[in-house]
Amino acid sequence: MTRILALALALFLAVPAAAQVGKSLGVVDANTIAEADLAKLPGMTPAIAKAVVAARPFDSIVDLNKLLLSQKLTQEQANEIYKQAFIHINLNTATAAEILLVPGAGKRMAHEFEEYRPWKSWAQFEKEIGKYVDAKEVARLAQYSFIPLNLNTATEADFMTIPGVGKRMAHEFDEYRPWKTPAQFEKEIGKYVDAKEVKRLWRYVVIQ
């Protein structure tokens, strides 16, 4: 396990300085994890997993947190789930409430995440957050986060860091350039996936 984590950390640090979704070190996207796998997480039940899937996609981890608490889970139980499944936070727009749900972040790190905005690259994240924690912790925090991808300039590799995006969807993102409006994104990507999936994908991107 230690060797696997070391390899994942090395891969994260080798990522080009680009806007991407943070490299996972084991945490999965709560908006795309299979219901059966969700039900296996600590504190989860088949009924709660079904409720989560029915409510997806969540716009933020705060929304998922509200649902879990409404299902009679305690905040401590929800926090245990977030160590394995999470809704990525947008480093440039996440509220303090969202950041504080990142396992181990705390008020100090919430402040630092906000202090260094706008975030433009993972190299910047590594440099600035690395002033406060070591490289392993930087990588651990990054997996809960994303820097919005510019639809008009991101590479195929960048797009494929978005949970659930494969080569086909990455190609479509590139195919319809130049992107000019959210309505265009909804129309063109809506040819391939339903409205819920369009909404889920849209939160990871920006038009610039």
Protein backbone atom coordinates (compact mmCIF):
# COMPACT_ATOMS: atom_id res chain seq x y z
CA MET A 1 0.00 0.00 0.00
CA THR A 2 2.86 2.38 0.86
CA ARG A 3 4.43 1.78 -2.56
CA ILE A 4 1.10 2.47 -4.29
CA LEU A 5 0.65 5.75 -2.41
CA ALA A 6 4.22 6.76 -3.20
CA LEU A 7 3.64 6.08 -6.91
CA ALA A 8 0.37 8.04 -6.91
CA LEU A 9 2.12 10.94 -5.18
CA ALA A 10 4.91 10.90 -7.76
CA LEU A 11 2.38 10.93 -10.58
CA PHE A 12 0.57 13.87 -9.01
CA LEU A 13 3.74 15.89 -8.69
CA ALA A 14 4.58 15.08 -12.32
CA VAL A 15 1.29 16.49 -13.65
CA PRO A 16 1.76 19.50 -15.97
CA ALA A 17 0.99 22.92 -14.54
CA ALA A 18 -2.59 23.00 -15.76
CA ALA A 19 -6.17 23.36 -14.59
CA GLN A 20 -7.35 19.85 -13.82
CA VAL A 21 -9.15 17.71 -11.28
CA GLY A 22 -6.74 16.68 -8.51
CA LYS A 23 -5.13 13.27 -8.85
CA SER A 24 -7.00 10.71 -6.74
CA LEU A 25 -5.04 8.86 -4.08
CA GLY A 26 -8.05 6.66 -3.40
CA VAL A 27 -10.95 9.08 -2.99
CA VAL A 28 -13.73 8.59 -5.56
CA ASP A 29 -16.33 10.99 -6.93
CA ALA A 30 -19.58 10.69 -5.00
CA ASN A 31 -21.52 11.82 -8.08
CA THR A 32 -20.36 8.87 -10.17
CA ILE A 33 -19.56 5.99 -7.80
CA ALA A 34 -21.77 2.95 -8.42
CA GLU A 35 -24.64 2.50 -5.98
CA ALA A 36 -23.38 -0.93 -4.93
CA ASP A 37 -19.94 0.49 -4.10
CA LEU A 38 -21.48 3.46 -2.31
CA ALA A 39 -23.44 1.12 -0.07
CA LYS A 40 -20.18 -0.49 1.10
CA LEU A 41 -18.78 2.73 2.54
CA PRO A 42 -18.60 3.19 6.33
CA GLY A 43 -21.97 4.02 7.86
CA MET A 44 -23.81 3.57 4.57
CA THR A 45 -26.84 1.35 4.07
CA PRO A 46 -28.46 0.24 0.80
CA ALA A 47 -31.34 2.64 1.49
CA ILE A 48 -29.05 5.62 2.04
CA ALA A 49 -27.01 4.75 -1.03
CA LYS A 50 -30.21 4.64 -3.09
CA ALA A 51 -31.24 8.06 -1.76
CA VAL A 52 -27.85 9.51 -2.66
CA VAL A 53 -27.99 8.17 -6.21
CA ALA A 54 -31.55 9.46 -6.66
CA ALA A 55 -30.47 12.97 -5.64
CA ARG A 56 -27.39 13.15 -7.88
CA PRO A 57 -25.71 15.14 -9.23
CA PHE A 58 -24.85 17.25 -6.21
CA ASP A 59 -23.68 20.80 -6.87
CA SER A 60 -21.44 20.73 -3.83
CA ILE A 61 -20.26 18.61 -0.93
CA VAL A 62 -22.49 20.76 1.30
CA ASP A 63 -25.54 19.46 -0.56
CA LEU A 64 -24.41 15.85 -0.14
CA ASN A 65 -23.73 16.53 3.53
CA LYS A 66 -27.26 17.83 4.05
CA LEU A 67 -28.72 14.72 2.47
CA LEU A 68 -26.60 12.37 4.57
CA LEU A 69 -27.57 14.16 7.77
CA SER A 70 -31.23 14.00 6.72
CA GLN A 71 -30.77 10.23 6.50
CA LYS A 72 -29.93 10.21 10.23
CA LEU A 73 -26.18 9.86 9.83
CA THR A 74 -24.14 11.90 12.29
CA GLN A 75 -21.61 14.45 11.07
CA GLU A 76 -18.86 12.13 12.29
CA GLN A 77 -20.25 9.29 10.16
CA ALA A 78 -20.50 11.58 7.14
CA ASN A 79 -16.90 12.68 7.66
CA GLU A 80 -15.78 9.05 7.53
CA ILE A 81 -17.52 8.64 4.18
CA TYR A 82 -15.69 11.70 2.82
CA LYS A 83 -12.37 9.97 3.37
CA GLN A 84 -13.41 7.64 0.54
CA ALA A 85 -16.03 9.50 -1.53
CA PHE A 86 -16.42 13.25 -2.02
CA ILE A 87 -17.79 16.00 -4.27
CA HIS A 88 -14.75 17.91 -5.55
CA ILE A 89 -14.52 21.53 -4.47
CA ASN A 90 -13.80 24.29 -6.97
CA LEU A 91 -10.67 25.92 -5.56
CA ASN A 92 -11.69 29.30 -6.96
CA THR A 93 -15.28 29.42 -5.70
CA ALA A 94 -15.69 26.96 -2.83
CA THR A 95 -17.16 28.40 0.32
CA ALA A 96 -15.58 27.95 3.74
CA ALA A 97 -18.37 25.47 4.51
CA GLU A 98 -17.33 23.33 1.54
CA ILE A 99 -13.62 23.47 2.32
CA LEU A 100 -14.19 22.54 5.96
CA LEU A 101 -15.79 19.27 4.83
CA VAL A 102 -12.50 18.23 3.19
CA PRO A 103 -11.12 15.67 5.65
CA GLY A 104 -8.36 17.21 7.72
CA ALA A 105 -8.55 20.66 6.11
CA GLY A 106 -9.59 22.76 9.11
CA LYS A 107 -10.06 26.53 9.40
CA ARG A 108 -6.43 27.37 8.72
CA MET A 109 -6.35 25.53 5.42
CA ALA A 110 -9.76 26.93 4.46
CA HIS A 111 -8.22 30.37 4.88
CA GLU A 112 -5.19 29.49 2.77
CA PHE A 113 -7.34 28.02 -0.02
CA GLU A 114 -9.19 31.33 -0.22
CA GLU A 115 -6.11 33.52 0.33
CA TYR A 116 -4.28 32.43 -2.82
CA ARG A 117 -7.14 32.79 -5.28
CA PRO A 118 -7.31 32.76 -8.22
CA TRP A 119 -5.87 29.27 -8.60
CA LYS A 120 -4.56 28.68 -12.10
CA SER A 121 -2.41 25.57 -11.89
CA TRP A 122 -1.41 22.67 -9.68
CA ALA A 123 2.14 23.99 -9.67
CA GLN A 124 0.76 27.07 -7.92
CA PHE A 125 -1.16 24.88 -5.47
CA GLU A 126 1.93 22.81 -4.73
CA LYS A 127 4.00 25.94 -4.15
CA GLU A 128 1.56 27.88 -1.96
CA ILE A 129 0.01 25.08 0.10
CA GLY A 130 3.43 23.49 0.32
CA LYS A 131 4.43 26.41 2.55
CA TYR A 132 2.25 24.92 5.28
CA VAL A 133 2.27 21.13 4.76
CA ASP A 134 4.54 18.54 3.16
CA ALA A 135 4.24 17.21 -0.39
CA LYS A 136 2.26 14.15 0.70
CA GLU A 137 -0.36 16.30 2.39
CA VAL A 138 -0.51 18.68 -0.60
CA ALA A 139 -1.32 15.70 -2.82
CA ARG A 140 -3.89 14.38 -0.34
CA LEU A 141 -5.72 17.73 -0.26
CA ALA A 142 -5.54 18.13 -4.04
CA GLN A 143 -7.57 14.96 -4.62
CA TYR A 144 -10.60 16.67 -3.09
CA SER A 145 -10.30 19.68 -5.38
CA PHE A 146 -10.31 20.94 -8.94
CA ILE A 147 -9.22 23.98 -10.87
CA PRO A 148 -11.84 24.70 -13.58
CA LEU A 149 -10.77 23.61 -17.06
CA ASN A 150 -10.98 26.15 -19.88
CA LEU A 151 -13.12 24.49 -22.55
CA ASN A 152 -11.25 26.33 -25.28
CA THR A 153 -7.69 25.45 -24.29
CA ALA A 154 -7.64 22.34 -22.08
CA THR A 155 -6.01 19.22 -23.51
CA GLU A 156 -7.59 15.80 -23.87
CA ALA A 157 -5.52 14.64 -20.91
CA ASP A 158 -6.85 17.56 -18.84
CA PHE A 159 -10.46 16.72 -19.71
CA MET A 160 -9.94 13.08 -18.81
CA THR A 161 -9.15 14.04 -15.22
CA ILE A 162 -12.86 14.86 -14.85
CA PRO A 163 -14.55 11.84 -13.24
CA GLY A 164 -16.42 9.80 -15.84
CA VAL A 165 -14.90 11.54 -18.87
CA GLY A 166 -13.28 9.24 -21.40
CA LYS A 167 -11.74 9.80 -24.81
CA ARG A 168 -15.10 10.16 -26.55
CA MET A 169 -16.34 13.00 -24.35
CA ALA A 170 -12.92 14.66 -24.33
CA HIS A 171 -13.10 14.60 -28.13
CA GLU A 172 -16.52 16.25 -28.10
CA PHE A 173 -15.25 18.99 -25.79
CA ASP A 174 -12.55 19.68 -28.35
CA GLU A 175 -14.78 19.18 -31.41
CA TYR A 176 -17.19 22.03 -30.65
CA ARG A 177 -14.61 24.74 -30.09
CA PRO A 178 -14.76 27.65 -29.85
CA TRP A 179 -17.09 27.51 -26.88
CA LYS A 180 -18.87 30.79 -26.30
CA THR A 181 -21.82 30.24 -23.95
CA PRO A 182 -23.21 27.81 -21.37
CA ALA A 183 -26.22 27.37 -23.64
CA GLN A 184 -23.95 26.09 -26.40
CA PHE A 185 -22.43 23.58 -23.97
CA GLU A 186 -25.87 22.41 -22.89
CA LYS A 187 -26.98 22.00 -26.51
CA GLU A 188 -23.92 20.23 -27.91
CA ILE A 189 -22.98 17.99 -25.00
CA GLY A 190 -26.68 17.30 -24.48
CA LYS A 191 -26.57 15.35 -27.74
CA TYR A 192 -24.57 12.65 -25.96
CA VAL A 193 -25.69 12.65 -22.32
CA ASP A 194 -28.79 13.63 -20.36
CA ALA A 195 -29.40 16.95 -18.65
CA LYS A 196 -28.19 15.71 -15.26
CA GLU A 197 -24.87 14.64 -16.73
CA VAL A 198 -24.49 17.92 -18.61
CA LYS A 199 -25.00 19.72 -15.29
CA ARG A 200 -22.43 17.50 -13.56
CA LEU A 201 -19.83 18.08 -16.27
CA TRP A 202 -20.44 21.82 -16.45
CA ARG A 203 -19.28 22.43 -12.87
CA TYR A 204 -15.75 21.35 -13.85
CA VAL A 205 -15.31 23.71 -16.77
CA VAL A 206 -15.22 27.38 -17.64
CA ILE A 207 -15.40 29.33 -20.89
CA GLN A 208 -12.62 31.89 -21.33
